[in-house]
Amino acid sequence: MLAAGEVDVATDELRWLLNGCACFINAHKMLGELAAAENDFELARAHFGHAYQEGLKAVRRVKLDQPLSYEIEANRPFFEAAKGLVYCLLKLDRKKLAREIVGQMIKCDPTDPLGLRQLVADGGN
């Protein structure tokens, strides 16, 4: 739907998916991206934040003894949602919380594949 430019239909479908599975990280990430594209950073923050929290719960539940790699495709929505959350927090002038999330994500993948440190250094610009 997004590729066809049907943003409203895609939004409705993503919300429908969340009715059946509220912890669907990729759906929240995509809704966050749509909201951010409309400069609705509060709504985007909520969706990215939900995706981030769900991913963090999963990471903590399995108690990894090694870094969580962004290179594994199944992990990417979690990392991308975290980046979206950091971006929104910076736009909403919540720099301290943004830095805390970056610290958590660096623990997950010390290589910082999405450049979160630089995003914070640039202030989200």
Protein backbone atom coordinates (compact mmCIF):
# COMPACT_ATOMS: atom_id res chain seq x y z
CA MET A 1 0.00 0.00 0.00
CA LEU A 2 2.81 2.40 0.85
CA ALA A 3 4.57 1.71 -2.44
CA ALA A 4 1.31 2.56 -4.22
CA GLY A 5 1.03 5.81 -2.28
CA GLU A 6 -1.97 4.62 -0.29
CA VAL A 7 -0.84 6.00 3.08
CA ASP A 8 -4.30 6.08 4.66
CA VAL A 9 -5.02 2.49 3.65
CA ALA A 10 -1.58 1.37 4.88
CA THR A 11 -2.15 3.15 8.20
CA ASP A 12 -5.52 1.42 8.62
CA GLU A 13 -4.02 -1.97 7.78
CA LEU A 14 -1.15 -1.50 10.22
CA ARG A 15 -3.59 -0.53 12.97
CA TRP A 16 -5.69 -3.59 12.12
CA LEU A 17 -2.60 -5.78 12.45
CA LEU A 18 -1.90 -4.28 15.88
CA ASN A 19 -5.41 -5.20 17.02
CA GLY A 20 -4.40 -8.84 16.64
CA CYS A 21 -0.84 -8.46 17.88
CA ALA A 22 -0.06 -5.31 19.86
CA CYS A 23 3.60 -6.33 20.16
CA PHE A 24 4.22 -6.35 16.38
CA ILE A 25 7.42 -4.31 16.35
CA ASN A 26 7.55 -3.70 12.61
CA ALA A 27 3.96 -2.38 12.48
CA HIS A 28 4.68 0.12 15.26
CA LYS A 29 7.92 1.11 13.53
CA MET A 30 6.11 1.73 10.26
CA LEU A 31 3.36 3.75 11.96
CA GLY A 32 6.10 5.76 13.67
CA GLU A 33 7.71 6.46 10.31
CA LEU A 34 4.39 7.61 8.86
CA ALA A 35 3.74 9.92 11.81
CA ALA A 36 7.28 11.33 11.70
CA ALA A 37 6.86 12.04 7.98
CA GLU A 38 3.87 14.19 8.97
CA ASN A 39 5.97 15.91 11.68
CA ASP A 40 3.74 14.40 14.38
CA PHE A 41 6.65 13.62 16.66
CA GLU A 42 4.48 12.84 19.70
CA LEU A 43 2.59 10.11 17.83
CA ALA A 44 5.77 8.89 16.18
CA ARG A 45 7.48 8.76 19.57
CA ALA A 46 4.63 6.66 20.93
CA HIS A 47 4.84 4.11 18.12
CA PHE A 48 8.63 3.96 18.03
CA GLY A 49 8.66 3.77 21.82
CA HIS A 50 6.25 0.85 21.88
CA ALA A 51 8.35 -1.01 19.30
CA TYR A 52 11.53 -0.24 21.23
CA GLN A 53 10.04 -1.44 24.52
CA GLU A 54 8.80 -4.68 22.94
CA GLY A 55 12.23 -5.33 21.46
CA LEU A 56 13.96 -4.54 24.72
CA LYS A 57 11.67 -6.95 26.58
CA ALA A 58 12.57 -9.70 24.13
CA VAL A 59 16.30 -8.99 24.47
CA ARG A 60 16.07 -9.08 28.26
CA ARG A 61 13.95 -12.23 28.23
CA VAL A 62 16.56 -14.26 26.34
CA LYS A 63 19.50 -12.87 28.35
CA LEU A 64 21.98 -12.69 25.49
CA ASP A 65 25.61 -13.41 26.24
CA GLN A 66 26.74 -11.67 23.04
CA PRO A 67 25.79 -8.52 21.16
CA LEU A 68 22.56 -8.42 19.18
CA SER A 69 23.57 -7.80 15.59
CA TYR A 70 21.76 -5.37 13.31
CA GLU A 71 23.09 -7.48 10.44
CA ILE A 72 20.48 -10.14 11.23
CA GLU A 73 17.40 -9.00 9.32
CA ALA A 74 14.94 -10.00 12.05
CA ASN A 75 16.66 -7.56 14.45
CA ARG A 76 16.46 -4.56 12.14
CA PRO A 77 12.95 -3.30 13.03
CA PHE A 78 14.02 -3.08 16.68
CA PHE A 79 17.15 -1.07 15.85
CA GLU A 80 15.31 1.12 13.35
CA ALA A 81 12.51 1.80 15.85
CA ALA A 82 15.12 2.80 18.42
CA LYS A 83 16.67 5.21 15.92
CA GLY A 84 13.25 6.67 15.17
CA LEU A 85 12.59 7.03 18.89
CA VAL A 86 15.90 8.81 19.44
CA TYR A 87 15.17 11.15 16.54
CA CYS A 88 11.71 12.00 17.90
CA LEU A 89 13.02 12.53 21.41
CA LEU A 90 15.61 14.94 20.07
CA LYS A 91 12.91 16.80 18.14
CA LEU A 92 10.86 16.95 21.36
CA ASP A 93 13.89 18.26 23.32
CA ARG A 94 14.18 15.10 25.46
CA LYS A 95 17.93 14.77 24.99
CA LYS A 96 18.67 12.93 28.23
CA LEU A 97 16.23 10.14 27.43
CA ALA A 98 17.56 9.99 23.86
CA ARG A 99 21.10 9.49 25.20
CA GLU A 100 19.88 6.73 27.55
CA ILE A 101 18.32 4.86 24.65
CA VAL A 102 21.48 5.24 22.58
CA GLY A 103 23.45 3.76 25.50
CA GLN A 104 21.11 0.78 25.62
CA MET A 105 21.34 0.24 21.88
CA ILE A 106 25.15 0.44 21.97
CA LYS A 107 25.05 -2.41 24.50
CA CYS A 108 23.00 -4.38 21.98
CA ASP A 109 25.36 -3.70 19.07
CA PRO A 110 28.57 -1.83 19.95
CA THR A 111 29.28 -1.16 16.26
CA ASP A 112 26.47 1.46 16.28
CA PRO A 113 25.34 0.43 12.79
CA LEU A 114 22.72 3.19 12.47
CA GLY A 115 24.94 6.01 13.72
CA LEU A 116 22.97 6.75 16.89
CA ARG A 117 25.91 8.44 18.58
CA GLN A 118 26.25 10.84 15.66
CA LEU A 119 22.49 11.44 15.57
CA VAL A 120 22.60 12.62 19.18
CA ALA A 121 25.76 14.66 18.54
CA ASP A 122 23.99 16.37 15.63
CA GLY A 123 20.90 16.99 17.77
CA GLY A 124 18.63 15.14 15.33
CA ASN A 125 19.46 17.41 12.39
